[in-house]
Structures are given as structure tokens and as C-alpha cells.
Protein backbone atom coordinates (compact mmCIF):
# COMPACT_ATOMS: atom_id res chain seq x y z
CA SER A 1 -27.52 36.47 -5.43
CA GLU A 2 -29.86 36.33 -2.28
CA GLN A 3 -29.54 32.43 -1.44
CA GLU A 4 -26.52 30.72 -0.29
CA PRO A 5 -26.42 27.25 -2.06
CA MET A 6 -26.77 23.77 0.15
CA VAL A 7 -24.61 22.07 -2.14
CA LEU A 8 -21.18 22.98 -3.86
CA PRO A 9 -20.83 19.99 -6.57
CA ALA A 10 -17.44 18.82 -7.08
CA LYS A 11 -16.15 17.58 -10.34
CA VAL A 12 -14.38 14.85 -9.01
CA PRO A 13 -14.94 12.83 -5.28
CA ASN A 14 -12.00 14.87 -3.66
CA LEU A 15 -12.06 13.02 -0.50
CA LEU A 16 -11.47 9.58 -2.16
CA LEU A 17 -9.03 11.03 -4.40
CA ASN A 18 -6.67 12.40 -1.44
CA GLY A 19 -7.57 10.33 1.08
CA GLN A 20 -7.70 11.75 4.83
CA VAL A 21 -6.45 10.46 8.17
CA GLY A 22 -7.80 12.42 11.15
CA ILE A 23 -9.67 12.34 14.98
CA ALA A 24 -12.53 14.10 16.11
CA VAL A 25 -14.44 13.79 19.61
CA GLY A 26 -15.62 10.13 19.44
CA MET A 27 -15.05 10.01 15.62
CA ALA A 28 -11.79 8.68 13.68
CA THR A 29 -11.54 8.68 9.68
CA ASN A 30 -9.02 6.62 7.43
CA ILE A 31 -9.68 6.84 4.13
CA PRO A 32 -7.19 5.97 1.54
CA PRO A 33 -6.15 8.06 -1.76
CA HIS A 34 -7.66 6.64 -5.02
CA ASN A 35 -6.33 6.57 -8.55
CA LEU A 36 -7.84 9.79 -10.26
CA GLY A 37 -8.43 8.05 -13.68
CA GLU A 38 -10.70 5.21 -11.58
CA LEU A 39 -12.30 7.91 -10.14
CA ILE A 40 -13.50 9.78 -13.27
CA ASP A 41 -14.45 6.45 -14.59
CA ALA A 42 -16.75 5.65 -12.08
CA SER A 43 -18.14 9.06 -12.19
CA ILE A 44 -19.10 8.86 -15.41
CA GLU A 45 -20.80 5.55 -14.45
CA LEU A 46 -23.05 7.32 -11.71
CA ILE A 47 -23.64 9.94 -14.15
CA ASP A 48 -24.63 7.40 -17.23
CA ASN A 49 -26.58 5.23 -14.49
CA SER A 50 -27.79 6.87 -11.64
CA GLU A 51 -29.00 3.19 -10.25
CA ALA A 52 -25.40 1.87 -10.70
CA THR A 53 -24.05 -0.59 -7.67
CA LEU A 54 -21.14 -0.98 -5.83
CA ASP A 55 -20.07 -3.87 -7.86
CA ASP A 56 -20.45 -1.76 -11.23
CA LEU A 57 -18.20 1.13 -9.58
CA LEU A 58 -15.56 -1.66 -8.51
CA LYS A 59 -15.21 -2.46 -12.15
CA HIS A 60 -13.96 0.84 -12.25
CA VAL A 61 -12.08 1.66 -8.92
CA LYS A 62 -9.79 -1.15 -8.62
CA GLY A 63 -8.52 -0.18 -4.69
CA PRO A 64 -6.53 2.49 -3.10
CA ASP A 65 -3.80 4.00 -4.99
CA PHE A 66 -0.96 4.67 -2.66
CA PRO A 67 1.58 6.89 -3.18
CA THR A 68 4.61 4.53 -1.99
CA GLY A 69 3.27 1.94 -4.46
CA ALA A 70 3.43 -1.61 -2.97
CA ILE A 71 0.96 -4.47 -3.89
CA VAL A 72 -2.54 -3.98 -2.45
CA TYR A 73 -4.56 -7.37 -1.79
CA GLY A 74 -8.04 -6.38 -1.27
CA GLY A 75 -10.49 -8.87 -2.20
CA ALA A 76 -13.83 -9.55 -0.32
CA PRO A 77 -12.54 -7.41 2.89
CA MET A 78 -11.90 -4.19 0.76
CA LYS A 79 -15.37 -4.70 -0.71
CA GLN A 80 -16.52 -4.92 2.54
CA ALA A 81 -15.10 -1.68 3.28
CA TYR A 82 -16.53 0.11 0.48
CA LEU A 83 -19.69 -1.28 1.29
CA THR A 84 -19.93 -0.53 5.02
CA GLY A 85 -17.15 2.22 5.50
CA ARG A 86 -14.78 -0.34 7.51
CA GLY A 87 -12.58 -2.82 6.55
CA ARG A 88 -9.05 -3.23 5.61
CA VAL A 89 -6.42 -4.49 2.87
CA MET A 90 -3.21 -6.14 3.01
CA MET A 91 -0.34 -4.09 1.09
CA ARG A 92 3.06 -6.17 0.35
CA ALA A 93 6.26 -4.31 -0.53
CA VAL A 94 7.41 -4.90 -4.06
CA ALA A 95 10.41 -7.43 -3.91
CA THR A 96 12.63 -8.88 -6.39
CA VAL A 97 15.25 -12.10 -5.85
CA GLU A 98 18.22 -11.13 -8.25
CA GLU A 99 21.05 -13.46 -8.67
CA THR A 100 24.24 -11.88 -8.31
CA LYS A 101 27.63 -12.89 -11.18
CA LYS A 102 29.25 -14.82 -8.13
CA GLY A 103 26.07 -16.86 -7.91
CA ARG A 104 24.21 -15.19 -4.46
CA HIS A 105 20.99 -14.04 -4.11
CA GLN A 106 20.06 -10.41 -3.47
CA ILE A 107 16.35 -9.17 -2.49
CA ILE A 108 15.65 -5.81 -3.81
CA VAL A 109 13.15 -4.20 -2.44
CA THR A 110 11.46 -0.91 -4.52
CA GLU A 111 8.40 0.01 -3.13
CA ILE A 112 7.01 -0.17 0.12
CA PRO A 113 3.83 -0.30 1.93
CA TYR A 114 2.07 3.23 2.49
CA GLY A 115 3.01 4.58 5.87
CA VAL A 116 5.97 2.50 6.38
CA ASN A 117 9.54 4.57 7.59
CA LYS A 118 12.14 3.13 5.27
CA ALA A 119 14.79 3.88 8.28
CA SER A 120 12.40 1.98 10.70
CA LEU A 121 12.01 -0.55 8.15
CA VAL A 122 15.98 -0.93 7.65
CA GLU A 123 16.89 -0.90 11.50
CA LYS A 124 14.42 -3.65 12.02
CA ILE A 125 15.68 -5.87 9.52
CA ALA A 126 19.67 -5.42 10.45
CA GLU A 127 17.94 -6.09 14.30
CA LEU A 128 16.67 -9.41 12.96
CA TYR A 129 19.75 -10.08 11.49
CA LYS A 130 21.65 -9.47 14.74
CA GLU A 131 19.35 -11.83 16.20
CA LYS A 132 19.76 -14.42 13.72
CA LYS A 133 16.38 -14.88 12.94
CA ILE A 134 16.91 -14.55 9.48
CA SER A 135 19.67 -15.72 6.74
CA ILE A 136 21.21 -12.64 5.29
CA SER A 137 24.93 -11.44 4.96
CA ASP A 138 24.48 -7.92 4.19
CA LEU A 139 22.11 -5.22 4.21
CA ARG A 140 22.15 -1.95 2.30
CA ASP A 141 19.83 0.93 1.56
CA GLU A 142 20.73 2.22 -1.90
CA SER A 143 17.95 4.72 -1.86
CA ALA A 144 18.47 7.81 -4.10
CA ARG A 145 16.42 10.74 -5.38
CA GLY A 146 13.17 9.76 -4.29
CA LYS A 147 13.59 6.04 -5.69
CA VAL A 148 13.31 3.32 -3.11
CA ARG A 149 15.96 0.51 -3.17
CA ILE A 150 16.90 -1.81 -0.23
CA VAL A 151 19.37 -4.78 -1.26
CA ILE A 152 19.30 -7.40 1.20
CA GLU A 153 22.36 -10.13 0.13
CA VAL A 154 21.21 -14.15 1.39
CA LYS A 155 23.41 -16.09 3.03
CA LYS A 156 25.12 -18.53 0.57
CA ASP A 157 23.12 -21.36 1.97
CA GLY A 158 19.93 -19.20 2.47
CA TYR A 159 16.84 -19.98 0.49
CA PRO A 160 16.01 -16.35 -1.06
CA LYS A 161 12.14 -17.04 -0.85
CA LYS A 162 12.14 -18.44 2.54
CA VAL A 163 14.03 -15.35 3.85
CA LEU A 164 11.60 -12.99 1.78
CA ASN A 165 8.49 -14.70 3.34
CA GLN A 166 10.25 -14.29 6.96
CA LEU A 167 10.88 -10.53 6.36
CA TYR A 168 6.72 -10.27 5.27
CA LYS A 169 6.22 -11.80 8.36
CA LEU A 170 8.34 -10.12 10.80
CA THR A 171 8.72 -6.57 9.34
CA ALA A 172 6.50 -3.95 7.93
CA LEU A 173 7.09 -5.02 4.55
CA GLN A 174 3.66 -6.53 4.66
CA SER A 175 1.11 -4.55 6.83
CA SER A 176 -2.51 -3.68 6.51
CA PHE A 177 -4.45 -0.24 5.97
CA ASN A 178 -7.61 0.10 8.15
CA TYR A 179 -10.73 1.59 6.35
CA ASN A 180 -13.00 3.93 8.68
């Protein structure tokens, strides 16, 4: 009652759980959100083994867990980010190629990278279509109730995997997240 505590311990590392983006005088912070279960498992590892290494902790924490989904490609750059506090991971939209009843192909995007504005993404794809940089015949945003669904119809003579790779290269369907 007479002394103020120097440290108030948290049950989980909240900063990693929620992530943080901010700018201060001469400093910037960019921490991605992580999975609660993985952080708890890593915390238990530290409690059980106070000498745990980064590799021990990365057995539990597989990488960032973005709320918009997408696939995170980390590997060595992600390990470097956890080791030094600086690095980056690549994020790629979840897209599948489906064949329609008429024998045409559609690219269905169901998850987009963190921080990508869906409306701007659809607008960019439409712009590429108008400039004839991609071989598509139709583009629809069928998203509803918080679920992303962007339908991209490939031209009859187009190659869906080639179109998808072009979309990854020319749009924000593939983007990076920088740790700081």
C-alpha cells in the first residue's frame, strides 16, 4: 500500500496479440497481430524453460495472424524480424481456380492481404483489364456479410494460372508487411 509496483505482469503478451502501428518522434512501430493460442503456448514454454531460444518459441508461434486471412510467407525473413525487430513477410491472397458449367475458368478470391482495401483492389483489376494487361472477360465483387468473394472470369483462350500470377504481380493481391 505504500509502494508503487515497478512492473505489472500481464498474463499474455498483449502487444503481440493485438499488434500495433504507430509513429512517434523519430521512431515508428509496426507489429503484426498474432494468434492467442500460439502466444499462450510460447508463454508456457518460457515459464517451463526460462532459457528457451528463439527457435524454441517459433515452434509455437508460426508467424503473424492477420484478421483478413491470406497466406503469410515468412521463413528466414520472418525469423530475422523476430530476432532483430526488423524484417518483413509476404502476404498473398487466397485464390482458387474453378471451372464453370460452360467450360470457362474463374479465379475466386476469398481472402485478401492485411491492410488492402477491397474496393481499391477491384478498381485496380478493372484498370488492368481496360489497359488489356490481363486476359479477363468479367470482374464481380460478390462479397457479403463480411465475407470476401471477388470473381474474376478468365477469357476463353486465357490461362487462369498465368492470369493469377499477373494479378499477384500487378496488384495488391500480393503485398508485404514490414516489422519494426
